[in-house]
N, C-alpha and C. Protein backbone atom coordinates (compact mmCIF):
# COMPACT_ATOMS: atom_id res chain seq x y z
N PHE A 1 71.38 107.72 105.40
CA PHE A 1 72.47 107.21 104.60
C PHE A 1 73.79 107.85 105.03
N GLN A 2 73.77 109.15 105.24
CA GLN A 2 75.01 109.82 105.64
C GLN A 2 75.48 109.36 107.01
N ALA A 3 74.57 109.19 107.95
CA ALA A 3 74.96 108.74 109.29
C ALA A 3 75.58 107.35 109.21
N MET A 4 75.01 106.49 108.39
CA MET A 4 75.56 105.15 108.21
C MET A 4 76.97 105.22 107.62
N THR A 5 77.15 106.11 106.65
CA THR A 5 78.45 106.26 106.01
C THR A 5 79.48 106.77 107.01
N GLN A 6 79.11 107.79 107.81
CA GLN A 6 80.04 108.33 108.79
C GLN A 6 80.46 107.27 109.80
N GLU A 7 79.52 106.48 110.28
CA GLU A 7 79.82 105.44 111.25
C GLU A 7 80.73 104.38 110.64
N ALA A 8 80.42 103.98 109.41
CA ALA A 8 81.21 102.95 108.74
C ALA A 8 82.63 103.44 108.46
N LEU A 9 82.78 104.70 108.16
CA LEU A 9 84.11 105.25 107.87
C LEU A 9 85.06 105.10 109.05
N SER A 10 84.53 105.24 110.24
CA SER A 10 85.39 105.17 111.41
C SER A 10 85.82 103.74 111.73
N GLU A 11 85.15 102.74 111.15
CA GLU A 11 85.44 101.36 111.48
C GLU A 11 85.88 100.50 110.29
N GLU A 12 85.59 100.90 109.08
CA GLU A 12 85.76 100.04 107.92
C GLU A 12 86.85 100.56 106.99
N ALA A 13 87.71 99.67 106.52
CA ALA A 13 88.78 100.07 105.61
C ALA A 13 88.58 99.48 104.21
N SER A 14 87.41 98.89 103.94
CA SER A 14 87.20 98.28 102.62
C SER A 14 86.60 99.26 101.62
N PHE A 15 86.32 100.49 102.06
CA PHE A 15 85.85 101.50 101.11
C PHE A 15 86.35 102.88 101.51
N SER A 16 86.25 103.81 100.57
CA SER A 16 86.66 105.17 100.83
C SER A 16 85.58 106.10 100.27
N VAL A 17 85.60 107.36 100.70
CA VAL A 17 84.56 108.32 100.36
C VAL A 17 85.18 109.59 99.82
N LEU A 18 84.50 110.20 98.85
CA LEU A 18 84.90 111.50 98.34
C LEU A 18 83.65 112.36 98.23
N TYR A 19 83.71 113.57 98.78
CA TYR A 19 82.63 114.53 98.64
C TYR A 19 83.06 115.54 97.58
N THR A 20 82.23 115.75 96.56
CA THR A 20 82.54 116.67 95.47
C THR A 20 81.55 117.82 95.52
N PRO A 21 82.03 119.08 95.58
CA PRO A 21 81.10 120.21 95.58
C PRO A 21 80.17 120.14 94.37
N PHE A 22 78.91 120.47 94.59
CA PHE A 22 77.91 120.38 93.54
C PHE A 22 77.13 121.67 93.43
N GLU A 23 77.07 122.21 92.24
CA GLU A 23 76.23 123.36 91.94
C GLU A 23 75.12 122.86 91.03
N LYS A 24 74.15 123.68 90.77
CA LYS A 24 73.02 123.25 89.94
C LYS A 24 73.44 123.18 88.48
N GLU A 25 74.23 122.16 88.16
CA GLU A 25 74.68 121.92 86.80
C GLU A 25 74.12 120.57 86.36
N ASP A 26 74.56 120.11 85.21
CA ASP A 26 74.12 118.80 84.73
C ASP A 26 74.65 117.72 85.65
N LYS A 27 73.74 117.06 86.35
CA LYS A 27 74.12 116.07 87.37
C LYS A 27 74.86 114.89 86.74
N ALA A 28 74.47 114.44 85.56
CA ALA A 28 75.11 113.29 84.92
C ALA A 28 76.59 113.58 84.65
N ASP A 29 76.89 114.78 84.16
CA ASP A 29 78.28 115.15 83.92
C ASP A 29 79.07 115.24 85.23
N LYS A 30 78.44 115.80 86.26
CA LYS A 30 79.13 115.92 87.55
C LYS A 30 79.40 114.55 88.16
N ILE A 31 78.50 113.59 87.96
CA ILE A 31 78.72 112.24 88.47
C ILE A 31 79.91 111.60 87.76
N LYS A 32 80.01 111.78 86.46
CA LYS A 32 81.16 111.25 85.71
C LYS A 32 82.46 111.88 86.21
N GLU A 33 82.44 113.19 86.42
CA GLU A 33 83.62 113.89 86.93
C GLU A 33 83.99 113.40 88.33
N ALA A 34 82.98 113.20 89.18
CA ALA A 34 83.23 112.73 90.55
C ALA A 34 83.85 111.34 90.54
N ASN A 35 83.35 110.46 89.69
CA ASN A 35 83.91 109.10 89.59
C ASN A 35 85.36 109.14 89.12
N LYS A 36 85.64 109.98 88.15
CA LYS A 36 87.01 110.11 87.64
C LYS A 36 87.95 110.67 88.71
N ALA A 37 87.50 111.72 89.40
CA ALA A 37 88.31 112.32 90.47
C ALA A 37 88.56 111.32 91.58
N PHE A 38 87.54 110.53 91.92
CA PHE A 38 87.71 109.52 92.96
C PHE A 38 88.79 108.52 92.56
N ALA A 39 88.72 108.01 91.33
CA ALA A 39 89.69 107.01 90.85
C ALA A 39 91.12 107.55 90.90
N GLU A 40 91.28 108.83 90.62
CA GLU A 40 92.61 109.45 90.65
C GLU A 40 93.12 109.61 92.09
N LYS A 41 92.24 109.97 93.02
CA LYS A 41 92.64 110.23 94.40
C LYS A 41 92.73 108.98 95.26
N HIS A 42 91.95 107.95 94.91
CA HIS A 42 91.89 106.74 95.74
C HIS A 42 92.05 105.49 94.86
N PRO A 43 93.22 105.29 94.25
CA PRO A 43 93.39 104.17 93.31
C PRO A 43 93.26 102.78 93.95
N ASP A 44 93.35 102.68 95.26
CA ASP A 44 93.18 101.39 95.93
C ASP A 44 91.72 100.98 96.09
N TYR A 45 90.80 101.88 95.76
CA TYR A 45 89.38 101.62 95.99
C TYR A 45 88.58 101.75 94.69
N VAL A 46 89.06 101.16 93.62
CA VAL A 46 88.39 101.33 92.32
C VAL A 46 87.76 100.05 91.77
N GLN A 47 87.62 99.02 92.60
CA GLN A 47 86.94 97.82 92.11
C GLN A 47 85.49 98.12 91.78
N HIS A 48 84.89 99.03 92.53
CA HIS A 48 83.53 99.49 92.24
C HIS A 48 83.41 100.91 92.76
N ILE A 49 83.06 101.84 91.89
CA ILE A 49 82.88 103.25 92.26
C ILE A 49 81.42 103.61 92.03
N PHE A 50 80.84 104.28 93.02
CA PHE A 50 79.43 104.62 92.98
C PHE A 50 79.22 106.03 93.52
N THR A 51 78.59 106.89 92.72
CA THR A 51 78.20 108.22 93.18
C THR A 51 76.69 108.22 93.34
N ASP A 52 76.23 108.57 94.53
CA ASP A 52 74.80 108.57 94.85
C ASP A 52 74.06 109.54 93.92
N PRO A 53 73.18 109.03 93.05
CA PRO A 53 72.47 109.91 92.12
C PRO A 53 71.24 110.58 92.73
N HIS A 54 70.81 110.12 93.89
CA HIS A 54 69.57 110.62 94.48
C HIS A 54 69.71 111.92 95.24
N GLY A 55 70.71 111.96 96.07
CA GLY A 55 70.72 113.06 97.02
C GLY A 55 71.93 113.95 96.91
N ILE A 56 71.74 115.13 97.39
CA ILE A 56 72.83 116.07 97.55
C ILE A 56 73.14 116.06 99.04
N HIS A 57 74.40 115.90 99.38
CA HIS A 57 74.80 115.67 100.76
C HIS A 57 75.53 116.88 101.35
N LEU A 58 75.58 116.90 102.67
CA LEU A 58 76.38 117.87 103.41
C LEU A 58 77.59 117.13 103.95
N LEU A 59 78.65 117.85 104.21
CA LEU A 59 79.85 117.22 104.75
C LEU A 59 79.60 116.72 106.16
N PRO A 60 80.38 115.71 106.60
CA PRO A 60 80.27 115.25 108.00
C PRO A 60 80.50 116.41 108.96
N GLU A 61 79.98 116.28 110.17
CA GLU A 61 80.02 117.35 111.17
C GLU A 61 81.39 117.94 111.40
N LYS A 62 82.43 117.13 111.44
CA LYS A 62 83.76 117.61 111.81
C LYS A 62 84.50 118.27 110.65
N ALA A 63 83.98 118.18 109.44
CA ALA A 63 84.66 118.76 108.28
C ALA A 63 84.29 120.23 108.13
N GLU A 64 85.25 121.01 107.63
CA GLU A 64 84.98 122.42 107.38
C GLU A 64 84.23 122.54 106.06
N SER A 65 83.14 123.28 106.06
CA SER A 65 82.38 123.48 104.84
C SER A 65 81.79 124.87 104.82
N HIS A 66 81.37 125.28 103.65
CA HIS A 66 80.70 126.56 103.51
C HIS A 66 79.21 126.35 103.77
N PRO A 67 78.59 127.26 104.49
CA PRO A 67 77.16 127.10 104.78
C PRO A 67 76.35 126.96 103.49
N GLY A 68 75.51 125.95 103.45
CA GLY A 68 74.65 125.75 102.30
C GLY A 68 75.29 125.02 101.12
N GLN A 69 76.60 124.78 101.18
CA GLN A 69 77.26 124.06 100.07
C GLN A 69 76.77 122.63 100.05
N GLN A 70 76.47 122.14 98.87
CA GLN A 70 76.01 120.76 98.71
C GLN A 70 77.08 119.95 97.99
N TYR A 71 77.07 118.64 98.24
CA TYR A 71 78.11 117.76 97.70
C TYR A 71 77.51 116.48 97.15
N LEU A 72 78.15 115.96 96.10
CA LEU A 72 77.87 114.61 95.65
C LEU A 72 78.69 113.67 96.51
N LEU A 73 78.14 112.53 96.86
CA LEU A 73 78.83 111.54 97.69
C LEU A 73 79.25 110.38 96.80
N THR A 74 80.57 110.15 96.71
CA THR A 74 81.10 109.06 95.91
C THR A 74 81.76 108.05 96.83
N LEU A 75 81.42 106.77 96.64
CA LEU A 75 82.01 105.68 97.41
C LEU A 75 82.81 104.80 96.47
N GLY A 76 83.98 104.38 96.91
CA GLY A 76 84.79 103.44 96.15
C GLY A 76 85.09 102.24 97.04
N PHE A 77 85.08 101.06 96.44
CA PHE A 77 85.21 99.83 97.20
C PHE A 77 86.39 99.00 96.72
N ARG A 78 87.04 98.32 97.64
CA ARG A 78 88.09 97.36 97.31
C ARG A 78 87.48 96.06 96.80
N ASN A 79 86.27 95.76 97.24
CA ASN A 79 85.59 94.53 96.86
C ASN A 79 84.40 94.89 95.97
N LYS A 80 84.42 94.41 94.74
CA LYS A 80 83.38 94.74 93.77
C LYS A 80 81.99 94.30 94.22
N GLU A 81 81.90 93.11 94.81
CA GLU A 81 80.59 92.58 95.23
C GLU A 81 79.98 93.42 96.35
N ILE A 82 80.80 93.86 97.30
CA ILE A 82 80.29 94.73 98.37
C ILE A 82 79.80 96.03 97.77
N GLY A 83 80.56 96.60 96.85
CA GLY A 83 80.15 97.83 96.19
C GLY A 83 78.84 97.70 95.45
N LYS A 84 78.68 96.61 94.70
CA LYS A 84 77.44 96.40 93.97
C LYS A 84 76.25 96.24 94.92
N THR A 85 76.48 95.56 96.04
CA THR A 85 75.41 95.36 97.02
C THR A 85 74.98 96.70 97.63
N VAL A 86 75.95 97.53 98.02
CA VAL A 86 75.62 98.84 98.58
C VAL A 86 74.87 99.68 97.55
N GLU A 87 75.35 99.69 96.32
CA GLU A 87 74.69 100.47 95.27
C GLU A 87 73.25 99.98 95.07
N LYS A 88 73.05 98.68 95.08
CA LYS A 88 71.71 98.11 94.90
C LYS A 88 70.76 98.61 95.99
N PHE A 89 71.22 98.58 97.25
CA PHE A 89 70.37 99.00 98.35
C PHE A 89 70.08 100.50 98.31
N VAL A 90 71.04 101.29 97.87
CA VAL A 90 70.86 102.74 97.83
C VAL A 90 69.94 103.15 96.69
N THR A 91 70.00 102.44 95.57
CA THR A 91 69.25 102.86 94.38
C THR A 91 67.90 102.19 94.22
N GLN A 92 67.61 101.17 95.01
CA GLN A 92 66.32 100.48 94.84
C GLN A 92 65.16 101.36 95.28
N ASN A 93 64.04 101.18 94.63
CA ASN A 93 62.83 101.89 95.01
C ASN A 93 62.18 101.15 96.17
N LEU A 94 61.94 101.86 97.24
CA LEU A 94 61.30 101.28 98.40
C LEU A 94 59.79 101.35 98.24
N PRO A 95 59.06 100.35 98.73
CA PRO A 95 57.60 100.39 98.62
C PRO A 95 57.02 101.52 99.46
N VAL A 96 55.93 102.10 98.96
CA VAL A 96 55.23 103.16 99.67
C VAL A 96 53.91 102.58 100.16
N PHE A 97 53.67 102.73 101.46
CA PHE A 97 52.45 102.23 102.04
C PHE A 97 51.54 103.41 102.39
N PRO A 98 50.36 103.49 101.74
CA PRO A 98 49.48 104.61 102.05
C PRO A 98 48.96 104.55 103.49
N GLY A 99 48.72 105.71 104.04
CA GLY A 99 48.16 105.78 105.40
C GLY A 99 49.21 105.71 106.37
């Protein structure tokens, strides 16, 4: 997911990304805070805002970060339908095939 996001960032202007430092706190509250911070920093990308609830992410390779620091990944979209589609694909449960 992160590799796809990094690649898309270099080519796509229909969405923006915000990484929010995450400590072992209440994830639901941190997601609300991340969405609010995103809306304040990127007002052009608020048609659909989505913070990945599944994973804790690391910053892209070129960004300065502290070793071991984890981040919530928030995406904001100019197009609501594209945002909903991305959120659907990220949050859907994938089938598990035994063996």
